[in-house]
Amino acid sequence: MRGCEQGSVTVVVAGLLVVLLGFLAMVLDLSRLYQARESWQGAIDAAALAGARQLDGTVNGTVNAVLTAQLTLAGLKQGGALSAGSNLNTVTYRIGPCSSPDSATSALPGGVVTAWHWSQSTPDCTYQGASASALGTGVSNPTGLQFLEVDSGLQAALTPWFAQFLPGFMAQSATLSPYGYAVAGYAAPLPPLLFR
């Protein structure tokens, strides 16, 4: 009878150990995700602030704002603040007249995607896409446009290191995608500030 009780305890302890190891694996993988999201958010905040300083009510100012934001992100990636696999080509830039932009969609290369992670607040104004590349010339009528929006888009999902061995976790792996979003601009007489 005593050997049977010891066997039962061993089975229970083994089961609890498997459950505890599973939770530990999820905690480690989720901490990687939150660290990646924090890195992206910090980089996007820095890019939005740096770019917003260039907005001066001219077409060149809008081009310079986007170029400065792009260079800021590239420098942060090169410096290791963003992972080597970060895709800066998915980042979009828009310029507008207020700190609460329309947020239904974001124009990305190859189409329009719903920006599900944006604020659900009611927009106060319409933003215009801007570019500093040879394909774009900034915003054609920049008068009154003092706010720069920088959106990383969803980055590639992180591959779980440990939790991939847990049943059903891989189906949730799309939620392991880091991203960042910020709006920065002027609210006179203050210097450029982050609004989101």
N, C-alpha and C. Protein backbone atom coordinates (compact mmCIF):
# COMPACT_ATOMS: atom_id res chain seq x y z
N MET A 1 0.82 -1.18 0.00
CA MET A 1 0.00 0.00 0.00
C MET A 1 0.87 1.26 0.00
N ARG A 2 1.97 1.22 0.76
CA ARG A 2 2.84 2.37 0.88
C ARG A 2 3.51 2.69 -0.46
N GLY A 3 3.96 1.73 -1.21
CA GLY A 3 4.58 1.94 -2.52
C GLY A 3 3.61 2.57 -3.49
N CYS A 4 2.35 2.23 -3.40
CA CYS A 4 1.33 2.81 -4.27
C CYS A 4 1.15 4.30 -3.98
N GLU A 5 1.18 4.68 -2.70
CA GLU A 5 1.06 6.09 -2.32
C GLU A 5 2.26 6.89 -2.81
N GLN A 6 3.45 6.30 -2.70
CA GLN A 6 4.64 7.00 -3.17
C GLN A 6 4.60 7.20 -4.69
N GLY A 7 4.09 6.24 -5.41
CA GLY A 7 3.95 6.34 -6.86
C GLY A 7 2.97 7.44 -7.23
N SER A 8 1.89 7.58 -6.48
CA SER A 8 0.90 8.63 -6.74
C SER A 8 1.52 10.01 -6.52
N VAL A 9 2.29 10.14 -5.48
CA VAL A 9 2.94 11.42 -5.19
C VAL A 9 3.92 11.77 -6.30
N THR A 10 4.66 10.78 -6.78
CA THR A 10 5.62 11.01 -7.86
C THR A 10 4.91 11.49 -9.12
N VAL A 11 3.78 10.90 -9.46
CA VAL A 11 3.02 11.30 -10.64
C VAL A 11 2.50 12.73 -10.48
N VAL A 12 1.99 13.07 -9.32
CA VAL A 12 1.47 14.42 -9.06
C VAL A 12 2.60 15.44 -9.15
N VAL A 13 3.73 15.16 -8.52
CA VAL A 13 4.87 16.07 -8.56
C VAL A 13 5.37 16.24 -9.99
N ALA A 14 5.45 15.16 -10.75
CA ALA A 14 5.89 15.24 -12.15
C ALA A 14 4.91 16.10 -12.96
N GLY A 15 3.62 15.94 -12.74
CA GLY A 15 2.62 16.74 -13.44
C GLY A 15 2.75 18.22 -13.10
N LEU A 16 2.93 18.52 -11.82
CA LEU A 16 3.10 19.91 -11.40
C LEU A 16 4.38 20.52 -11.97
N LEU A 17 5.43 19.72 -12.05
CA LEU A 17 6.69 20.20 -12.61
C LEU A 17 6.54 20.57 -14.08
N VAL A 18 5.80 19.76 -14.83
CA VAL A 18 5.56 20.06 -16.25
C VAL A 18 4.77 21.37 -16.39
N VAL A 19 3.75 21.55 -15.56
CA VAL A 19 2.94 22.77 -15.60
C VAL A 19 3.80 23.99 -15.25
N LEU A 20 4.61 23.88 -14.22
CA LEU A 20 5.46 25.00 -13.81
C LEU A 20 6.49 25.34 -14.88
N LEU A 21 7.07 24.34 -15.52
CA LEU A 21 8.01 24.59 -16.60
C LEU A 21 7.32 25.26 -17.79
N GLY A 22 6.09 24.88 -18.05
CA GLY A 22 5.31 25.51 -19.12
C GLY A 22 5.08 26.99 -18.84
N PHE A 23 4.71 27.31 -17.62
CA PHE A 23 4.51 28.72 -17.26
C PHE A 23 5.82 29.50 -17.34
N LEU A 24 6.90 28.91 -16.92
CA LEU A 24 8.21 29.56 -17.00
C LEU A 24 8.57 29.85 -18.46
N ALA A 25 8.30 28.90 -19.35
CA ALA A 25 8.58 29.09 -20.77
C ALA A 25 7.78 30.26 -21.33
N MET A 26 6.49 30.32 -20.98
CA MET A 26 5.66 31.43 -21.47
C MET A 26 6.15 32.76 -20.93
N VAL A 27 6.53 32.81 -19.67
CA VAL A 27 7.02 34.05 -19.07
C VAL A 27 8.29 34.52 -19.78
N LEU A 28 9.20 33.62 -20.07
CA LEU A 28 10.44 33.99 -20.76
C LEU A 28 10.16 34.52 -22.17
N ASP A 29 9.28 33.85 -22.90
CA ASP A 29 8.97 34.29 -24.26
C ASP A 29 8.22 35.62 -24.26
N LEU A 30 7.28 35.79 -23.34
CA LEU A 30 6.53 37.04 -23.29
C LEU A 30 7.42 38.21 -22.85
N SER A 31 8.39 37.93 -21.99
CA SER A 31 9.30 39.00 -21.60
C SER A 31 10.13 39.46 -22.79
N ARG A 32 10.51 38.56 -23.68
CA ARG A 32 11.21 38.94 -24.92
C ARG A 32 10.33 39.84 -25.78
N LEU A 33 9.04 39.49 -25.89
CA LEU A 33 8.12 40.30 -26.68
C LEU A 33 8.00 41.69 -26.10
N TYR A 34 7.79 41.81 -24.81
CA TYR A 34 7.62 43.13 -24.21
C TYR A 34 8.90 43.95 -24.31
N GLN A 35 10.03 43.31 -24.24
CA GLN A 35 11.29 44.02 -24.41
C GLN A 35 11.40 44.54 -25.85
N ALA A 36 11.02 43.72 -26.83
CA ALA A 36 11.05 44.15 -28.23
C ALA A 36 10.07 45.29 -28.47
N ARG A 37 8.88 45.21 -27.88
CA ARG A 37 7.89 46.28 -28.05
C ARG A 37 8.38 47.57 -27.42
N GLU A 38 8.99 47.48 -26.26
CA GLU A 38 9.53 48.68 -25.61
C GLU A 38 10.65 49.29 -26.45
N SER A 39 11.49 48.45 -27.04
CA SER A 39 12.56 48.96 -27.90
C SER A 39 11.99 49.70 -29.10
N TRP A 40 10.97 49.10 -29.73
CA TRP A 40 10.35 49.75 -30.89
C TRP A 40 9.68 51.04 -30.48
N GLN A 41 8.97 51.04 -29.36
CA GLN A 41 8.27 52.25 -28.95
C GLN A 41 9.26 53.37 -28.65
N GLY A 42 10.35 53.05 -27.98
CA GLY A 42 11.36 54.07 -27.71
C GLY A 42 11.98 54.63 -28.98
N ALA A 43 12.24 53.75 -29.94
CA ALA A 43 12.83 54.19 -31.21
C ALA A 43 11.84 55.06 -31.99
N ILE A 44 10.58 54.67 -32.02
CA ILE A 44 9.56 55.44 -32.74
C ILE A 44 9.35 56.80 -32.07
N ASP A 45 9.35 56.82 -30.74
CA ASP A 45 9.23 58.10 -30.02
C ASP A 45 10.37 59.03 -30.40
N ALA A 46 11.60 58.51 -30.39
CA ALA A 46 12.77 59.33 -30.74
C ALA A 46 12.69 59.83 -32.17
N ALA A 47 12.26 58.97 -33.09
CA ALA A 47 12.15 59.37 -34.49
C ALA A 47 11.09 60.45 -34.69
N ALA A 48 9.94 60.30 -34.02
CA ALA A 48 8.86 61.28 -34.15
C ALA A 48 9.30 62.64 -33.60
N LEU A 49 9.95 62.64 -32.45
CA LEU A 49 10.41 63.91 -31.87
C LEU A 49 11.47 64.58 -32.75
N ALA A 50 12.43 63.79 -33.22
CA ALA A 50 13.49 64.35 -34.07
C ALA A 50 12.90 64.90 -35.37
N GLY A 51 11.99 64.15 -35.97
CA GLY A 51 11.38 64.60 -37.22
C GLY A 51 10.51 65.83 -37.04
N ALA A 52 9.74 65.87 -35.96
CA ALA A 52 8.83 67.00 -35.73
C ALA A 52 9.57 68.33 -35.62
N ARG A 53 10.80 68.28 -35.17
CA ARG A 53 11.60 69.52 -35.06
C ARG A 53 11.88 70.15 -36.42
N GLN A 54 11.75 69.38 -37.49
CA GLN A 54 12.03 69.87 -38.84
C GLN A 54 10.82 70.53 -39.50
N LEU A 55 9.64 70.33 -38.94
CA LEU A 55 8.43 70.87 -39.56
C LEU A 55 8.40 72.39 -39.40
N ASP A 56 8.42 73.09 -40.54
CA ASP A 56 8.47 74.55 -40.51
C ASP A 56 7.46 75.19 -41.45
N GLY A 57 6.47 74.41 -41.88
CA GLY A 57 5.44 74.95 -42.77
C GLY A 57 5.83 75.00 -44.23
N THR A 58 6.93 74.31 -44.58
CA THR A 58 7.35 74.27 -45.99
C THR A 58 7.37 72.82 -46.48
N VAL A 59 7.36 72.65 -47.81
CA VAL A 59 7.46 71.32 -48.39
C VAL A 59 8.79 70.68 -47.98
N ASN A 60 9.88 71.47 -48.04
CA ASN A 60 11.18 70.95 -47.63
C ASN A 60 11.16 70.53 -46.16
N GLY A 61 10.43 71.25 -45.35
CA GLY A 61 10.33 70.89 -43.93
C GLY A 61 9.67 69.52 -43.75
N THR A 62 8.66 69.21 -44.56
CA THR A 62 8.01 67.90 -44.45
C THR A 62 8.95 66.79 -44.91
N VAL A 63 9.69 67.06 -45.99
CA VAL A 63 10.66 66.06 -46.47
C VAL A 63 11.75 65.86 -45.42
N ASN A 64 12.25 66.96 -44.86
CA ASN A 64 13.30 66.86 -43.85
C ASN A 64 12.81 66.16 -42.58
N ALA A 65 11.54 66.36 -42.25
CA ALA A 65 10.98 65.70 -41.07
C ALA A 65 11.02 64.19 -41.23
N VAL A 66 10.58 63.72 -42.39
CA VAL A 66 10.58 62.28 -42.65
C VAL A 66 12.01 61.75 -42.75
N LEU A 67 12.87 62.49 -43.45
CA LEU A 67 14.27 62.07 -43.59
C LEU A 67 14.95 61.98 -42.22
N THR A 68 14.72 62.95 -41.36
CA THR A 68 15.31 62.93 -40.02
C THR A 68 14.79 61.75 -39.22
N ALA A 69 13.49 61.49 -39.31
CA ALA A 69 12.91 60.34 -38.60
C ALA A 69 13.52 59.03 -39.12
N GLN A 70 13.66 58.92 -40.45
CA GLN A 70 14.25 57.72 -41.03
C GLN A 70 15.70 57.53 -40.57
N LEU A 71 16.47 58.61 -40.58
CA LEU A 71 17.87 58.52 -40.16
C LEU A 71 17.98 58.18 -38.67
N THR A 72 17.07 58.69 -37.88
CA THR A 72 17.07 58.37 -36.45
C THR A 72 16.83 56.88 -36.24
N LEU A 73 15.84 56.33 -36.94
CA LEU A 73 15.56 54.89 -36.81
C LEU A 73 16.73 54.05 -37.32
N ALA A 74 17.31 54.46 -38.45
CA ALA A 74 18.46 53.71 -39.00
C ALA A 74 19.63 53.74 -38.02
N GLY A 75 19.87 54.88 -37.39
CA GLY A 75 20.96 54.99 -36.42
C GLY A 75 20.70 54.13 -35.19
N LEU A 76 19.45 54.10 -34.74
CA LEU A 76 19.12 53.28 -33.58
C LEU A 76 19.26 51.79 -33.90
N LYS A 77 18.89 51.42 -35.12
CA LYS A 77 19.05 50.02 -35.53
C LYS A 77 20.54 49.67 -35.61
N GLN A 78 21.31 50.53 -36.21
CA GLN A 78 22.75 50.28 -36.34
C GLN A 78 23.41 50.24 -34.97
N GLY A 79 22.93 51.06 -34.05
CA GLY A 79 23.49 51.08 -32.70
C GLY A 79 23.03 49.95 -31.81
N GLY A 80 22.12 49.12 -32.30
CA GLY A 80 21.68 47.96 -31.54
C GLY A 80 20.42 48.17 -30.71
N ALA A 81 19.80 49.35 -30.77
CA ALA A 81 18.57 49.58 -30.01
C ALA A 81 17.40 48.79 -30.60
N LEU A 82 17.48 48.50 -31.89
CA LEU A 82 16.49 47.64 -32.56
C LEU A 82 17.22 46.40 -33.05
N SER A 83 16.53 45.29 -33.08
CA SER A 83 17.17 44.04 -33.50
C SER A 83 17.57 44.12 -34.97
N ALA A 84 18.54 43.32 -35.33
CA ALA A 84 19.04 43.31 -36.71
C ALA A 84 17.94 42.93 -37.70
N GLY A 85 16.95 42.15 -37.26
CA GLY A 85 15.86 41.74 -38.14
C GLY A 85 14.74 42.75 -38.26
N SER A 86 14.86 43.91 -37.61
CA SER A 86 13.81 44.93 -37.69
C SER A 86 13.70 45.45 -39.11
N ASN A 87 12.47 45.59 -39.59
CA ASN A 87 12.23 46.02 -40.96
C ASN A 87 11.81 47.49 -40.98
N LEU A 88 12.72 48.36 -41.34
CA LEU A 88 12.41 49.79 -41.38
C LEU A 88 11.58 50.17 -42.60
N ASN A 89 11.43 49.25 -43.56
CA ASN A 89 10.62 49.52 -44.75
C ASN A 89 9.12 49.52 -44.47
N THR A 90 8.70 48.98 -43.34
CA THR A 90 7.28 48.97 -43.02
C THR A 90 6.85 50.24 -42.28
N VAL A 91 7.81 51.08 -41.92
CA VAL A 91 7.49 52.29 -41.16
C VAL A 91 6.83 53.31 -42.09
N THR A 92 5.70 53.88 -41.63
CA THR A 92 5.00 54.90 -42.41
C THR A 92 5.06 56.23 -41.66
N TYR A 93 4.98 57.31 -42.44
CA TYR A 93 5.08 58.66 -41.90
C TYR A 93 3.91 59.47 -42.46
N ARG A 94 3.23 60.16 -41.57
CA ARG A 94 2.15 61.05 -42.01
C ARG A 94 2.28 62.37 -41.25
N ILE A 95 1.80 63.42 -41.87
CA ILE A 95 1.90 64.76 -41.29
C ILE A 95 0.51 65.39 -41.28
N GLY A 96 0.20 66.08 -40.18
CA GLY A 96 -1.11 66.69 -40.06
C GLY A 96 -1.13 67.91 -39.17
N PRO A 97 -2.33 68.52 -39.03
CA PRO A 97 -2.45 69.79 -38.31
C PRO A 97 -2.83 69.67 -36.83
N CYS A 98 -3.02 68.47 -36.31
CA CYS A 98 -3.42 68.34 -34.91
C CYS A 98 -2.79 67.07 -34.32
N SER A 99 -2.93 66.90 -33.02
CA SER A 99 -2.28 65.76 -32.35
C SER A 99 -3.16 64.52 -32.32
N SER A 100 -4.37 64.58 -32.88
CA SER A 100 -5.27 63.43 -32.89
C SER A 100 -5.64 63.08 -34.33
N PRO A 101 -4.78 62.29 -35.01
CA PRO A 101 -4.99 62.02 -36.44
C PRO A 101 -6.10 61.02 -36.71
N ASP A 102 -6.59 61.06 -37.96
CA ASP A 102 -7.48 60.00 -38.39
C ASP A 102 -6.70 58.70 -38.30
N SER A 103 -7.33 57.64 -37.82
CA SER A 103 -6.55 56.45 -37.52
C SER A 103 -7.17 55.17 -38.05
N ALA A 104 -7.99 55.28 -39.07
CA ALA A 104 -8.65 54.08 -39.57
C ALA A 104 -7.69 53.19 -40.34
N THR A 105 -6.88 53.78 -41.18
CA THR A 105 -5.98 52.97 -42.00
C THR A 105 -4.63 53.65 -42.13
N SER A 106 -3.66 52.89 -42.52
CA SER A 106 -2.33 53.42 -42.79
C SER A 106 -1.89 52.91 -44.14
N ALA A 107 -1.43 53.81 -44.99
CA ALA A 107 -0.98 53.40 -46.32
C ALA A 107 0.41 52.79 -46.19
N LEU A 108 0.53 51.54 -46.54
CA LEU A 108 1.81 50.85 -46.53
C LEU A 108 2.17 50.44 -47.94
N PRO A 109 3.44 50.22 -48.22
CA PRO A 109 3.82 49.75 -49.56
C PRO A 109 3.04 48.48 -49.91
N GLY A 110 2.37 48.49 -51.03
CA GLY A 110 1.63 47.32 -51.47
C GLY A 110 0.18 47.32 -51.05
N GLY A 111 -0.31 48.37 -50.41
CA GLY A 111 -1.72 48.39 -50.08
C GLY A 111 -2.02 49.15 -48.82
N VAL A 112 -3.25 49.03 -48.36
CA VAL A 112 -3.71 49.71 -47.16
C VAL A 112 -4.05 48.66 -46.12
N VAL A 113 -3.59 48.84 -44.91
CA VAL A 113 -3.87 47.88 -43.85
C VAL A 113 -4.55 48.59 -42.69
N THR A 114 -5.37 47.87 -41.96
CA THR A 114 -5.99 48.43 -40.78
C THR A 114 -4.96 48.52 -39.67
N ALA A 115 -4.84 49.68 -39.10
CA ALA A 115 -3.87 49.89 -38.03
C ALA A 115 -4.56 49.60 -36.70
N TRP A 116 -4.67 48.34 -36.36
CA TRP A 116 -5.46 47.90 -35.21
C TRP A 116 -4.90 48.38 -33.89
N HIS A 117 -3.63 48.71 -33.83
CA HIS A 117 -3.04 49.08 -32.55
C HIS A 117 -3.14 50.57 -32.27
N TRP A 118 -3.70 51.33 -33.18
CA TRP A 118 -3.81 52.76 -32.95
C TRP A 118 -4.88 53.06 -31.93
N SER A 119 -4.83 54.27 -31.40
CA SER A 119 -5.82 54.72 -30.43
C SER A 119 -7.21 54.70 -31.06
N GLN A 120 -8.18 54.36 -30.25
CA GLN A 120 -9.56 54.32 -30.74
C GLN A 120 -10.27 55.66 -30.57
N SER A 121 -9.53 56.70 -30.18
CA SER A 121 -10.16 58.00 -29.97
C SER A 121 -10.66 58.58 -31.29
N THR A 122 -11.63 59.46 -31.19
CA THR A 122 -12.19 60.10 -32.38
C THR A 122 -11.15 61.06 -32.96
N PRO A 123 -10.85 60.93 -34.25
CA PRO A 123 -9.84 61.81 -34.85
C PRO A 123 -10.35 63.24 -34.96
N ASP A 124 -9.43 64.18 -34.82
CA ASP A 124 -9.76 65.60 -34.96
C ASP A 124 -9.38 66.14 -36.33
N CYS A 125 -8.51 65.44 -37.04
CA CYS A 125 -8.05 65.98 -38.32
C CYS A 125 -7.52 64.87 -39.21
N THR A 126 -7.33 65.21 -40.48
CA THR A 126 -6.83 64.26 -41.46
C THR A 126 -5.33 64.45 -41.65
N TYR A 127 -4.63 63.36 -41.68
CA TYR A 127 -3.18 63.37 -41.92
C TYR A 127 -2.89 62.98 -43.36
N GLN A 128 -1.75 63.43 -43.86
CA GLN A 128 -1.32 63.11 -45.22
C GLN A 128 -0.04 62.31 -45.17
N GLY A 129 0.07 61.31 -46.03
CA GLY A 129 1.29 60.53 -46.12
C GLY A 129 2.44 61.40 -46.63
N ALA A 130 3.62 61.15 -46.13
CA ALA A 130 4.79 61.92 -46.56
C ALA A 130 5.96 60.98 -46.76
N SER A 131 6.89 61.40 -47.60
CA SER A 131 8.04 60.57 -47.92
C SER A 131 9.25 61.45 -48.13
N ALA A 132 10.41 60.89 -47.87
CA ALA A 132 11.66 61.61 -48.17
C ALA A 132 12.42 60.88 -49.26
N SER A 133 11.77 59.92 -49.91
CA SER A 133 12.43 59.15 -50.96
C SER A 133 12.29 59.85 -52.30
N ALA A 134 12.94 59.30 -53.31
CA ALA A 134 12.84 59.86 -54.65
C ALA A 134 11.42 59.73 -55.19
N LEU A 135 10.62 58.82 -54.62
CA LEU A 135 9.26 58.62 -55.09
C LEU A 135 8.29 59.63 -54.50
N GLY A 136 8.69 60.33 -53.45
CA GLY A 136 7.79 61.27 -52.80
C GLY A 136 8.44 62.61 -52.58
N THR A 137 7.64 63.64 -52.52
CA THR A 137 8.18 64.98 -52.34
C THR A 137 7.61 65.66 -51.10
N GLY A 138 7.24 64.88 -50.10
CA GLY A 138 6.67 65.50 -48.91
C GLY A 138 5.21 65.82 -49.12
N VAL A 139 4.72 66.78 -48.37
CA VAL A 139 3.32 67.18 -48.44
C VAL A 139 3.22 68.43 -49.30
N SER A 140 2.33 68.43 -50.30
CA SER A 140 2.27 69.51 -51.27
C SER A 140 1.80 70.84 -50.67
N ASN A 141 0.90 70.80 -49.68
CA ASN A 141 0.44 72.03 -49.04
C ASN A 141 0.70 71.92 -47.54
N PRO A 142 1.89 72.29 -47.09
CA PRO A 142 2.28 72.04 -45.71
C PRO A 142 1.84 73.09 -44.69
N THR A 143 1.10 74.09 -45.12
CA THR A 143 0.70 75.16 -44.21
C THR A 143 -0.10 74.61 -43.03
N GLY A 144 0.35 74.92 -41.84
CA GLY A 144 -0.36 74.50 -40.62
C GLY A 144 -0.10 73.08 -40.20
N LEU A 145 0.74 72.35 -40.92
CA LEU A 145 1.02 70.96 -40.57
C LEU A 145 2.21 70.92 -39.61
N GLN A 146 1.94 70.71 -38.34
CA GLN A 146 2.97 70.79 -37.31
C GLN A 146 3.18 69.47 -36.58
N PHE A 147 2.53 68.40 -37.01
CA PHE A 147 2.58 67.14 -36.28
C PHE A 147 3.01 65.99 -37.19
N LEU A 148 3.93 65.19 -36.69
CA LEU A 148 4.44 64.04 -37.44
C LEU A 148 4.02 62.76 -36.74
N GLU A 149 3.45 61.85 -37.53
CA GLU A 149 3.06 60.53 -37.03
C GLU A 149 4.04 59.51 -37.59
N VAL A 150 4.57 58.66 -36.73
CA VAL A 150 5.48 57.60 -37.16
C VAL A 150 4.90 56.28 -36.66
N ASP A 151 4.70 55.35 -37.58
CA ASP A 151 4.09 54.05 -37.26
C ASP A 151 4.98 52.94 -37.81
N SER A 152 5.47 52.08 -36.94
CA SER A 152 6.38 51.01 -37.37
C SER A 152 5.68 49.94 -38.19
N GLY A 153 4.36 49.85 -38.10
CA GLY A 153 3.67 48.69 -38.67
C GLY A 153 4.04 47.47 -37.85
N LEU A 154 3.34 46.38 -38.07
CA LEU A 154 3.66 45.16 -37.33
C LEU A 154 4.97 44.60 -37.86
N GLN A 155 5.88 44.36 -36.97
CA GLN A 155 7.14 43.74 -37.34
C GLN A 155 6.96 42.22 -37.38
N ALA A 156 7.95 41.53 -37.88
CA ALA A 156 7.87 40.06 -37.95
C ALA A 156 7.68 39.49 -36.55
N ALA A 157 6.80 38.51 -36.46
CA ALA A 157 6.51 37.89 -35.17
C ALA A 157 7.77 37.22 -34.63
N LEU A 158 7.96 37.34 -33.33
CA LEU A 158 9.09 36.67 -32.69
C LEU A 158 8.80 35.18 -32.59
N THR A 159 9.78 34.37 -32.89
CA THR A 159 9.63 32.93 -32.75
C THR A 159 9.84 32.57 -31.28
N PRO A 160 8.87 31.90 -30.67
CA PRO A 160 9.03 31.53 -29.27
C PRO A 160 10.24 30.60 -29.09
N TRP A 161 11.02 30.86 -28.06
CA TRP A 161 12.16 30.01 -27.78
C TRP A 161 11.73 28.74 -27.05
N PHE A 162 10.90 28.89 -26.06
CA PHE A 162 10.54 27.76 -25.20
C PHE A 162 9.09 27.34 -25.35
N ALA A 163 8.21 28.32 -25.44
CA ALA A 163 6.78 28.01 -25.43
C ALA A 163 6.31 27.32 -26.70
N GLN A 164 7.16 27.23 -27.72
CA GLN A 164 6.76 26.53 -28.95
C GLN A 164 6.47 25.05 -28.69
N PHE A 165 6.98 24.54 -27.58
CA PHE A 165 6.76 23.13 -27.26
C PHE A 165 5.45 22.91 -26.53
N LEU A 166 4.75 24.02 -26.21
CA LEU A 166 3.46 23.88 -25.53
C LEU A 166 2.36 23.78 -26.58
N PRO A 167 1.42 22.87 -26.40
CA PRO A 167 0.35 22.71 -27.38
C PRO A 167 -0.48 24.00 -27.50
N GLY A 168 -0.77 24.39 -28.74
CA GLY A 168 -1.63 25.54 -28.99
C GLY A 168 -0.93 26.88 -28.94
N PHE A 169 0.29 26.94 -28.47
CA PHE A 169 0.95 28.25 -28.34
C PHE A 169 1.36 28.79 -29.70
N MET A 170 1.77 27.94 -30.61
CA MET A 170 2.21 28.41 -31.92
C MET A 170 1.07 29.07 -32.70
N ALA A 171 -0.17 28.65 -32.43
CA ALA A 171 -1.31 29.29 -33.10
C ALA A 171 -1.44 30.74 -32.65
N GLN A 172 -0.92 31.07 -31.50
CA GLN A 172 -0.98 32.42 -30.96
C GLN A 172 0.26 33.24 -31.32
N SER A 173 1.18 32.71 -32.10
CA SER A 173 2.47 33.36 -32.32
C SER A 173 2.34 34.69 -33.04
N ALA A 174 1.25 34.93 -33.77
CA ALA A 174 1.07 36.22 -34.44
C ALA A 174 0.99 37.35 -33.43
N THR A 175 0.60 37.05 -32.22
CA THR A 175 0.50 38.08 -31.19
C THR A 175 1.88 38.46 -30.66
N LEU A 176 2.92 37.77 -31.10
CA LEU A 176 4.27 38.09 -30.65
C LEU A 176 4.96 39.04 -31.63
N SER A 177 4.19 39.99 -32.17
CA SER A 177 4.74 40.94 -33.13
C SER A 177 4.96 42.29 -32.45
N PRO A 178 6.20 42.77 -32.41
CA PRO A 178 6.46 44.08 -31.83
C PRO A 178 6.05 45.21 -32.78
N TYR A 179 5.77 46.36 -32.24
CA TYR A 179 5.43 47.54 -33.03
C TYR A 179 5.63 48.78 -32.18
N GLY A 180 5.57 49.94 -32.82
CA GLY A 180 5.65 51.21 -32.12
C GLY A 180 4.85 52.25 -32.87
N TYR A 181 4.32 53.23 -32.16
CA TYR A 181 3.50 54.28 -32.76
C TYR A 181 3.65 55.55 -31.95
N ALA A 182 3.82 56.69 -32.62
CA ALA A 182 3.94 57.96 -31.92
C ALA A 182 3.50 59.11 -32.81
N VAL A 183 2.99 60.14 -32.17
CA VAL A 183 2.70 61.42 -32.82
C VAL A 183 3.45 62.48 -32.02
N ALA A 184 4.22 63.30 -32.71
CA ALA A 184 4.95 64.39 -32.05
C ALA A 184 4.73 65.66 -32.85
N GLY A 185 4.75 66.78 -32.15
CA GLY A 185 4.58 68.03 -32.86
C GLY A 185 4.54 69.21 -31.93
N TYR A 186 4.13 70.33 -32.50
CA TYR A 186 4.13 71.59 -31.77
C TYR A 186 2.76 71.91 -31.22
N ALA A 187 2.73 72.39 -30.02
CA ALA A 187 1.55 73.00 -29.44
C ALA A 187 2.07 74.31 -28.86
N ALA A 188 2.07 75.33 -29.70
CA ALA A 188 2.71 76.61 -29.34
C ALA A 188 2.30 77.05 -27.94
N PRO A 189 3.22 77.59 -27.16
CA PRO A 189 4.59 77.98 -27.49
C PRO A 189 5.61 76.92 -27.06
N LEU A 190 5.19 75.68 -26.86
CA LEU A 190 6.07 74.64 -26.37
C LEU A 190 6.93 74.06 -27.49
N PRO A 191 8.08 73.44 -27.14
CA PRO A 191 8.87 72.71 -28.14
C PRO A 191 8.15 71.43 -28.54
N PRO A 192 8.64 70.68 -29.53
CA PRO A 192 7.97 69.45 -29.93
C PRO A 192 7.76 68.50 -28.75
N LEU A 193 6.57 67.94 -28.68
CA LEU A 193 6.19 67.03 -27.61
C LEU A 193 5.61 65.76 -28.21
N LEU A 194 5.68 64.66 -27.46
CA LEU A 194 4.99 63.43 -27.85
C LEU A 194 3.54 63.53 -27.40
N PHE A 195 2.63 63.13 -28.28
CA PHE A 195 1.21 63.17 -27.93
C PHE A 195 0.61 61.77 -27.78
N ARG A 196 1.25 60.75 -28.36
CA ARG A 196 0.77 59.38 -28.22
C ARG A 196 1.95 58.45 -28.12
